[in-house]
C-alpha atoms as a PDB file:
ATOM      1  CA  MET A   1      46.917  38.000 -16.911  1.00  0.00           C
ATOM      2  CA  ARG A   2      43.966  40.070 -15.713  1.00  0.00           C
ATOM      3  CA  ARG A   3      41.744  38.569 -18.407  1.00  0.00           C
ATOM      4  CA  THR A   4      42.594  35.011 -17.320  1.00  0.00           C
ATOM      5  CA  ALA A   5      41.688  35.759 -13.705  1.00  0.00           C
ATOM      6  CA  LEU A   6      38.329  37.160 -14.750  1.00  0.00           C
ATOM      7  CA  LEU A   7      37.490  33.927 -16.609  1.00  0.00           C
ATOM      8  CA  ALA A   8      38.254  31.801 -13.544  1.00  0.00           C
ATOM      9  CA  VAL A   9      35.710  33.569 -11.362  1.00  0.00           C
ATOM     10  CA  PRO A  10      32.590  32.285 -13.185  1.00  0.00           C
ATOM     11  CA  LEU A  11      34.014  28.758 -13.207  1.00  0.00           C
ATOM     12  CA  LEU A  12      34.547  28.866  -9.457  1.00  0.00           C
ATOM     13  CA  ALA A  13      31.037  30.198  -8.903  1.00  0.00           C
ATOM     14  CA  LEU A  14      29.579  27.396 -11.043  1.00  0.00           C
ATOM     15  CA  ALA A  15      31.446  24.768  -9.071  1.00  0.00           C
ATOM     16  CA  VAL A  16      30.101  26.118  -5.778  1.00  0.00           C
ATOM     17  CA  THR A  17      26.549  26.248  -7.153  1.00  0.00           C
ATOM     18  CA  GLY A  18      26.837  22.637  -8.371  1.00  0.00           C
ATOM     19  CA  ALA A  19      27.950  21.419  -4.939  1.00  0.00           C
ATOM     20  CA  TYR A  20      25.003  23.170  -3.322  1.00  0.00           C
ATOM     21  CA  LEU A  21      22.545  21.531  -5.716  1.00  0.00           C
ATOM     22  CA  VAL A  22      23.956  18.050  -5.173  1.00  0.00           C
ATOM     23  CA  GLY A  23      23.791  18.549  -1.447  1.00  0.00           C
ATOM     24  CA  SER A  24      20.180  19.673  -1.745  1.00  0.00           C
ATOM     25  CA  VAL A  25      19.181  16.493  -3.584  1.00  0.00           C
ATOM     26  CA  HIS A  26      20.551  14.224  -0.864  1.00  0.00           C
ATOM     27  CA  SER A  27      19.666  16.287   2.171  1.00  0.00           C
ATOM     28  CA  PRO A  28      16.315  14.514   3.021  1.00  0.00           C
ATOM     29  CA  ALA A  29      18.024  11.099   3.353  1.00  0.00           C
ATOM     30  CA  VAL A  30      20.800  12.570   5.412  1.00  0.00           C
ATOM     31  CA  ALA A  31      18.291  14.266   7.681  1.00  0.00           C
ATOM     32  CA  ALA A  32      16.336  11.031   8.167  1.00  0.00           C
ATOM     33  CA  ALA A  33      19.462   9.086   9.100  1.00  0.00           C
ATOM     34  CA  ALA A  34      20.555  11.807  11.469  1.00  0.00           C
ATOM     35  CA  SER A  35      17.202  11.902  13.213  1.00  0.00           C
ATOM     36  CA  GLY A  36      17.094   8.100  13.660  1.00  0.00           C
ATOM     37  CA  ASP A  37      13.806   7.807  11.744  1.00  0.00           C
ATOM     38  CA  VAL A  38      14.328   4.143  10.687  1.00  0.00           C
ATOM     39  CA  ASP A  39      11.754   1.359  10.499  1.00  0.00           C
ATOM     40  CA  PRO A  40      12.110  -0.641  13.781  1.00  0.00           C
ATOM     41  CA  ALA A  41      11.127  -3.845  11.962  1.00  0.00           C
ATOM     42  CA  THR A  42      14.439  -3.764  10.113  1.00  0.00           C
ATOM     43  CA  GLN A  43      16.485  -3.401  13.305  1.00  0.00           C
ATOM     44  CA  GLY A  44      17.675  -5.944  15.872  1.00  0.00           C
ATOM     45  CA  ILE A  45      18.009  -9.665  15.306  1.00  0.00           C
ATOM     46  CA  VAL A  46      15.394 -12.219  14.209  1.00  0.00           C
ATOM     47  CA  VAL A  47      15.961 -15.887  15.039  1.00  0.00           C
ATOM     48  CA  ALA A  48      13.885 -19.057  14.590  1.00  0.00           C
ATOM     49  CA  GLY A  49      13.802 -21.729  17.281  1.00  0.00           C
ATOM     50  CA  LEU A  50      12.461 -25.280  17.280  1.00  0.00           C
ATOM     51  CA  GLY A  51      11.351 -27.411  20.217  1.00  0.00           C
ATOM     52  CA  LYS A  52      10.563 -31.129  19.965  1.00  0.00           C
ATOM     53  CA  VAL A  53       9.186 -33.356  22.711  1.00  0.00           C
ATOM     54  CA  SER A  54       8.101 -36.989  22.412  1.00  0.00           C
ATOM     55  CA  GLY A  55       5.279 -38.763  24.218  1.00  0.00           C
ATOM     56  CA  THR A  56       3.247 -41.952  24.047  1.00  0.00           C
ATOM     57  CA  PRO A  57       0.098 -41.598  21.906  1.00  0.00           C
ATOM     58  CA  ASP A  58      -3.204 -41.899  23.742  1.00  0.00           C
ATOM     59  CA  VAL A  59      -5.546 -42.137  20.735  1.00  0.00           C
ATOM     60  CA  LEU A  60      -5.717 -44.263  17.584  1.00  0.00           C
ATOM     61  CA  ARG A  61      -7.660 -42.950  14.606  1.00  0.00           C
ATOM     62  CA  MET A  62      -8.742 -45.208  11.760  1.00  0.00           C
ATOM     63  CA  GLN A  63     -10.949 -45.248   8.703  1.00  0.00           C
ATOM     64  CA  ILE A  64     -12.879 -48.490   8.416  1.00  0.00           C
ATOM     65  CA  GLY A  65     -15.717 -49.475   6.122  1.00  0.00           C
ATOM     66  CA  VAL A  66     -16.985 -51.745   3.379  1.00  0.00           C
ATOM     67  CA  GLU A  67     -16.963 -51.809  -0.409  1.00  0.00           C
ATOM     68  CA  VAL A  68     -19.661 -53.810  -2.184  1.00  0.00           C
ATOM     69  CA  ARG A  69     -20.020 -54.547  -5.914  1.00  0.00           C
ATOM     70  CA  ARG A  70     -23.402 -55.702  -7.235  1.00  0.00           C
ATOM     71  CA  ILE A  71     -25.300 -55.738 -10.551  1.00  0.00           C
ATOM     72  CA  ASP A  72     -27.818 -53.049  -9.564  1.00  0.00           C
ATOM     73  CA  VAL A  73     -27.604 -49.996  -7.326  1.00  0.00           C
ATOM     74  CA  SER A  74     -30.341 -50.940  -4.881  1.00  0.00           C
ATOM     75  CA  THR A  75     -28.799 -54.324  -4.096  1.00  0.00           C
ATOM     76  CA  ALA A  76     -25.323 -52.843  -3.715  1.00  0.00           C
ATOM     77  CA  LEU A  77     -26.579 -50.144  -1.368  1.00  0.00           C
ATOM     78  CA  ARG A  78     -28.685 -52.566   0.674  1.00  0.00           C
ATOM     79  CA  ASP A  79     -25.822 -55.011   1.191  1.00  0.00           C
ATOM     80  CA  ALA A  80     -23.321 -52.253   1.969  1.00  0.00           C
ATOM     81  CA  ASN A  81     -25.679 -50.764   4.543  1.00  0.00           C
ATOM     82  CA  ALA A  82     -26.143 -54.135   6.231  1.00  0.00           C
ATOM     83  CA  LEU A  83     -22.408 -54.836   6.414  1.00  0.00           C
ATOM     84  CA  GLN A  84     -21.507 -51.350   7.624  1.00  0.00           C
ATOM     85  CA  THR A  85     -24.156 -51.653  10.323  1.00  0.00           C
ATOM     86  CA  ARG A  86     -22.518 -54.880  11.491  1.00  0.00           C
ATOM     87  CA  VAL A  87     -19.139 -53.153  11.626  1.00  0.00           C
ATOM     88  CA  ARG A  88     -20.574 -50.243  13.596  1.00  0.00           C
ATOM     89  CA  ASP A  89     -22.470 -52.488  16.039  1.00  0.00           C
ATOM     90  CA  THR A  90     -19.333 -54.544  16.655  1.00  0.00           C
ATOM     91  CA  LEU A  91     -17.365 -51.410  17.489  1.00  0.00           C
ATOM     92  CA  ARG A  92     -20.070 -50.349  19.936  1.00  0.00           C
ATOM     93  CA  ARG A  93     -20.076 -53.737  21.634  1.00  0.00           C
ATOM     94  CA  ASP A  94     -16.332 -53.425  22.022  1.00  0.00           C
ATOM     95  CA  GLY A  95     -16.792 -50.212  23.987  1.00  0.00           C
ATOM     96  CA  VAL A  96     -16.305 -47.554  21.322  1.00  0.00           C
ATOM     97  CA  ASP A  97     -18.334 -44.460  22.190  1.00  0.00           C
ATOM     98  CA  PRO A  98     -20.783 -43.473  19.400  1.00  0.00           C
ATOM     99  CA  LYS A  99     -19.379 -39.930  19.756  1.00  0.00           C
ATOM    100  CA  ASP A 100     -16.056 -41.302  18.533  1.00  0.00           C
ATOM    101  CA  MET A 101     -17.569 -42.645  15.288  1.00  0.00           C
ATOM    102  CA  GLN A 102     -18.425 -40.468  12.314  1.00  0.00           C
ATOM    103  CA  THR A 103     -19.496 -41.304   8.775  1.00  0.00           C
ATOM    104  CA  SER A 104     -16.774 -39.889   6.546  1.00  0.00           C
ATOM    105  CA  ASP A 105     -17.708 -41.219   3.116  1.00  0.00           C
ATOM    106  CA  VAL A 106     -20.577 -42.788   1.172  1.00  0.00           C
ATOM    107  CA  SER A 107     -19.863 -43.303  -2.535  1.00  0.00           C
ATOM    108  CA  ILE A 108     -21.854 -44.913  -5.350  1.00  0.00           C
ATOM    109  CA  TYR A 109     -20.318 -45.307  -8.789  1.00  0.00           C
ATOM    110  CA  PRO A 110     -20.596 -47.650 -11.785  1.00  0.00           C
ATOM    111  CA  SER A 111     -18.137 -50.492 -12.321  1.00  0.00           C
ATOM    112  CA  PHE A 112     -16.791 -51.780 -15.639  1.00  0.00           C
ATOM    113  CA  ASP A 113     -15.436 -55.066 -16.909  1.00  0.00           C
ATOM    114  CA  THR A 114     -12.058 -55.557 -18.570  1.00  0.00           C
ATOM    115  CA  LYS A 115     -13.526 -54.474 -21.915  1.00  0.00           C
ATOM    116  CA  GLY A 116     -14.850 -51.207 -20.526  1.00  0.00           C
ATOM    117  CA  LYS A 117     -18.507 -52.240 -20.471  1.00  0.00           C
ATOM    118  CA  PRO A 118     -20.699 -51.432 -17.417  1.00  0.00           C
ATOM    119  CA  ASP A 119     -21.135 -54.503 -15.247  1.00  0.00           C
ATOM    120  CA  GLY A 120     -22.746 -53.111 -12.090  1.00  0.00           C
ATOM    121  CA  TYR A 121     -22.294 -50.643  -9.293  1.00  0.00           C
ATOM    122  CA  VAL A 122     -19.946 -50.193  -6.356  1.00  0.00           C
ATOM    123  CA  VAL A 123     -21.039 -48.762  -3.022  1.00  0.00           C
ATOM    124  CA  SER A 124     -18.367 -47.671  -0.558  1.00  0.00           C
ATOM    125  CA  GLU A 125     -19.132 -46.623   3.017  1.00  0.00           C
ATOM    126  CA  ARG A 126     -16.545 -45.501   5.534  1.00  0.00           C
ATOM    127  CA  LEU A 127     -16.410 -44.570   9.223  1.00  0.00           C
ATOM    128  CA  THR A 128     -13.760 -42.483  10.908  1.00  0.00           C
ATOM    129  CA  VAL A 129     -13.256 -44.016  14.346  1.00  0.00           C
ATOM    130  CA  LYS A 130     -11.295 -42.930  17.384  1.00  0.00           C
ATOM    131  CA  LEU A 131     -10.043 -45.698  19.690  1.00  0.00           C
ATOM    132  CA  ARG A 132      -9.017 -44.634  23.179  1.00  0.00           C
ATOM    133  CA  ASP A 133      -8.211 -48.050  24.636  1.00  0.00           C
ATOM    134  CA  LEU A 134      -4.921 -48.725  22.874  1.00  0.00           C
ATOM    135  CA  ALA A 135      -4.365 -51.961  24.817  1.00  0.00           C
ATOM    136  CA  ARG A 136      -7.419 -53.441  23.095  1.00  0.00           C
ATOM    137  CA  ALA A 137      -7.142 -51.570  19.793  1.00  0.00           C
ATOM    138  CA  GLY A 138      -5.755 -54.566  17.884  1.00  0.00           C
ATOM    139  CA  SER A 139      -8.572 -56.903  18.869  1.00  0.00           C
ATOM    140  CA  ILE A 140     -11.205 -54.207  18.272  1.00  0.00           C
ATOM    141  CA  ILE A 141      -9.940 -53.661  14.728  1.00  0.00           C
ATOM    142  CA  GLY A 142      -9.783 -57.390  14.026  1.00  0.00           C
ATOM    143  CA  GLU A 143     -13.334 -57.999  15.225  1.00  0.00           C
ATOM    144  CA  ALA A 144     -14.711 -55.052  13.262  1.00  0.00           C
ATOM    145  CA  LEU A 145     -13.069 -56.271  10.061  1.00  0.00           C
ATOM    146  CA  ALA A 146     -14.356 -59.787  10.631  1.00  0.00           C
ATOM    147  CA  ALA A 147     -17.882 -58.390  11.058  1.00  0.00           C
ATOM    148  CA  GLY A 148     -17.632 -56.746   7.640  1.00  0.00           C
ATOM    149  CA  GLY A 149     -16.371 -59.903   5.946  1.00  0.00           C
ATOM    150  CA  SER A 150     -14.463 -59.807   2.667  1.00  0.00           C
ATOM    151  CA  PRO A 151     -15.875 -56.393   1.642  1.00  0.00           C
ATOM    152  CA  ALA A 152     -14.400 -54.812   4.807  1.00  0.00           C
ATOM    153  CA  ARG A 153     -11.682 -52.224   4.270  1.00  0.00           C
ATOM    154  CA  LEU A 154      -9.238 -50.564   6.645  1.00  0.00           C
ATOM    155  CA  GLN A 155      -7.648 -47.679   4.788  1.00  0.00           C
ATOM    156  CA  ALA A 156      -5.565 -45.803   7.335  1.00  0.00           C
ATOM    157  CA  VAL A 157      -4.441 -45.833  10.936  1.00  0.00           C
ATOM    158  CA  SER A 158      -2.722 -42.980  12.731  1.00  0.00           C
ATOM    159  CA  PHE A 159      -1.780 -42.273  16.316  1.00  0.00           C
ATOM    160  CA  ASP A 160      -2.285 -38.987  18.098  1.00  0.00           C
ATOM    161  CA  LEU A 161      -1.599 -37.254  21.384  1.00  0.00           C
ATOM    162  CA  GLU A 162      -4.930 -35.788  22.341  1.00  0.00           C
ATOM    163  CA  ASP A 163      -3.856 -34.821  25.857  1.00  0.00           C
ATOM    164  CA  ASP A 164      -0.764 -32.895  24.788  1.00  0.00           C
ATOM    165  CA  ALA A 165      -0.961 -29.727  26.912  1.00  0.00           C
ATOM    166  CA  ALA A 166       2.009 -30.635  29.122  1.00  0.00           C
ATOM    167  CA  LEU A 167       4.122 -31.710  26.140  1.00  0.00           C
ATOM    168  CA  LEU A 168       3.298 -28.516  24.245  1.00  0.00           C
ATOM    169  CA  GLN A 169       4.461 -26.472  27.222  1.00  0.00           C
ATOM    170  CA  LYS A 170       7.799 -28.301  27.240  1.00  0.00           C
ATOM    171  CA  ALA A 171       8.130 -27.875  23.473  1.00  0.00           C
ATOM    172  CA  ARG A 172       7.491 -24.122  23.770  1.00  0.00           C
ATOM    173  CA  ASP A 173      10.152 -23.826  26.458  1.00  0.00           C
ATOM    174  CA  ALA A 174      12.617 -25.731  24.298  1.00  0.00           C
ATOM    175  CA  ALA A 175      11.814 -23.668  21.177  1.00  0.00           C
ATOM    176  CA  TYR A 176      12.302 -20.344  22.978  1.00  0.00           C
ATOM    177  CA  ALA A 177      15.534 -21.539  24.577  1.00  0.00           C
ATOM    178  CA  ASP A 178      16.793 -22.630  21.168  1.00  0.00           C
ATOM    179  CA  ALA A 179      15.995 -19.233  19.647  1.00  0.00           C
ATOM    180  CA  LYS A 180      17.600 -17.323  22.525  1.00  0.00           C
ATOM    181  CA  GLN A 181      20.777 -19.392  22.361  1.00  0.00           C
ATOM    182  CA  LYS A 182      21.147 -18.619  18.662  1.00  0.00           C
ATOM    183  CA  ALA A 183      20.371 -14.939  19.160  1.00  0.00           C
ATOM    184  CA  GLN A 184      22.921 -14.639  21.968  1.00  0.00           C
ATOM    185  CA  ARG A 185      25.578 -16.198  19.766  1.00  0.00           C
ATOM    186  CA  TYR A 186      24.902 -13.758  16.927  1.00  0.00           C
ATOM    187  CA  ALA A 187      24.910 -10.838  19.341  1.00  0.00           C
ATOM    188  CA  ASP A 188      28.300 -11.941  20.706  1.00  0.00           C
ATOM    189  CA  LEU A 189      29.698 -12.261  17.191  1.00  0.00           C
ATOM    190  CA  SER A 190      28.509  -8.755  16.337  1.00  0.00           C
ATOM    191  CA  GLY A 191      29.925  -7.249  19.523  1.00  0.00           C
ATOM    192  CA  ARG A 192      26.486  -6.209  20.754  1.00  0.00           C
ATOM    193  CA  ALA A 193      24.220  -7.188  23.652  1.00  0.00           C
ATOM    194  CA  LEU A 194      20.708  -8.586  23.443  1.00  0.00           C
ATOM    195  CA  GLY A 195      17.995  -6.093  24.306  1.00  0.00           C
ATOM    196  CA  GLN A 196      14.327  -6.683  24.956  1.00  0.00           C
ATOM    197  CA  VAL A 197      12.102  -9.053  22.986  1.00  0.00           C
ATOM    198  CA  GLU A 198      10.163  -7.164  20.307  1.00  0.00           C
ATOM    199  CA  LEU A 199       8.155  -9.987  18.719  1.00  0.00           C
ATOM    200  CA  VAL A 200       7.320 -13.676  19.274  1.00  0.00           C
ATOM    201  CA  SER A 201       5.536 -15.709  16.596  1.00  0.00           C
ATOM    202  CA  GLU A 202       4.567 -19.359  17.102  1.00  0.00           C
ATOM    203  CA  GLU A 203       3.849 -22.131  14.628  1.00  0.00           C
ATOM    204  CA  LEU A 204       2.649 -25.646  15.389  1.00  0.00           C
ATOM    205  CA  PRO A 205       3.807 -28.007  12.639  1.00  0.00           C
ATOM    206  CA  GLY A 206       1.138 -30.583  11.827  1.00  0.00           C
ATOM    207  CA  GLU A 207       1.770 -34.307  11.938  1.00  0.00           C
ATOM    208  CA  LEU A 208       1.018 -36.500   8.959  1.00  0.00           C
ATOM    209  CA  PRO A 209      -1.092 -39.624   9.491  1.00  0.00           C
ATOM    210  CA  VAL A 210       0.916 -42.844   9.440  1.00  0.00           C
ATOM    211  CA  PRO A 211      -0.563 -45.416   7.010  1.00  0.00           C
ATOM    212  CA  TYR A 212      -0.936 -48.854   8.542  1.00  0.00           C
ATOM    213  CA  ALA A 213      -1.461 -51.939   6.381  1.00  0.00           C
ATOM    214  CA  THR A 214      -3.594 -54.673   7.930  1.00  0.00           C
ATOM    215  CA  PRO A 215      -5.526 -57.776   6.872  1.00  0.00           C
ATOM    216  CA  SER A 216      -9.231 -57.360   6.107  1.00  0.00           C
ATOM    217  CA  GLY A 217     -12.325 -59.528   6.188  1.00  0.00           C
ATOM    218  CA  ASP A 218     -11.790 -63.246   6.882  1.00  0.00           C
ATOM    219  CA  ALA A 219      -8.035 -62.762   7.277  1.00  0.00           C
ATOM    220  CA  ALA A 220      -8.675 -60.807  10.479  1.00  0.00           C
ATOM    221  CA  LYS A 221     -10.790 -63.507  12.136  1.00  0.00           C
ATOM    222  CA  SER A 222      -7.893 -65.629  13.331  1.00  0.00           C
ATOM    223  CA  SER A 223      -6.141 -63.045  15.480  1.00  0.00           C
ATOM    224  CA  ALA A 224      -6.082 -59.459  16.621  1.00  0.00           C
ATOM    225  CA  VAL A 225      -4.285 -56.954  14.434  1.00  0.00           C
ATOM    226  CA  PRO A 226      -0.872 -56.158  15.988  1.00  0.00           C
ATOM    227  CA  ILE A 227      -0.713 -52.523  17.089  1.00  0.00           C
ATOM    228  CA  GLU A 228       2.415 -50.651  18.139  1.00  0.00           C
ATOM    229  CA  PRO A 229       1.749 -47.010  19.119  1.00  0.00           C
ATOM    230  CA  GLY A 230       5.440 -46.142  19.448  1.00  0.00           C
ATOM    231  CA  ARG A 231       6.155 -42.493  20.239  1.00  0.00           C
ATOM    232  CA  SER A 232       4.606 -39.350  18.805  1.00  0.00           C
ATOM    233  CA  GLN A 233       6.416 -36.052  18.566  1.00  0.00           C
ATOM    234  CA  VAL A 234       5.049 -32.652  19.524  1.00  0.00           C
ATOM    235  CA  SER A 235       6.820 -29.753  17.806  1.00  0.00           C
ATOM    236  CA  VAL A 236       6.692 -26.006  18.283  1.00  0.00           C
ATOM    237  CA  ALA A 237       8.488 -23.489  16.066  1.00  0.00           C
ATOM    238  CA  VAL A 238       8.940 -19.885  17.172  1.00  0.00           C
ATOM    239  CA  THR A 239      10.352 -16.775  15.577  1.00  0.00           C
ATOM    240  CA  VAL A 240      11.663 -14.168  18.021  1.00  0.00           C
ATOM    241  CA  ARG A 241      12.986 -10.673  17.392  1.00  0.00           C
ATOM    242  CA  TRP A 242      15.317  -9.012  19.909  1.00  0.00           C
ATOM    243  CA  SER A 243      16.597  -5.494  19.928  1.00  0.00           C
ATOM    244  CA  LEU A 244      20.357  -5.027  20.138  1.00  0.00           C
ATOM    245  CA  ARG A 245      22.150  -2.684  22.535  1.00  0.00           C
END
């Protein structure tokens, strides 16, 4: 009996020592949790909000130009220059400010026949134009295309809200309200209360240009190109982080 008791003592001592060692391994994490030393960025609630407001566009942007095919480069370039000058002068006569016109492309490349043999050169010249008088935009486009004749090209038309400060303000208000409503709901579900705002991050989603097909050259002489500006949308996305109480 005495011998059995003596053997149990070392086993008990070993068990106590093992517990102490395990506790020592985990003690730093326990101390950190107890002291509240936690990354604030991982706390609270983070919610995204979106605000959308529509308004009538006040600007039309277009890319207009000419494309000429001739046997030699010099002739192609000469004729393209003459036609593009006519297009530009017509736009100016129609009240387009030279500041709202910018050369956006001049290309010269060889052309080939159906058998793959070189048969001349193509010169393409293009202007990016901003039209501010939307009531006359259709007739301005039609007259410019007629001035360029059959080689005239209209490649894209898009509408924009250049004076969008007031709409952006409304979109920001709507985006923040959307985020706060979501955050409040999550706080209620978690049994907590919203604290102070820790972070606000804004993003302005870009709008894609809207392609607009239209007749070119002689087809545009008979009438103005129909233009419908419709409505453009201003969007603001925000990400907001609140603390929780």
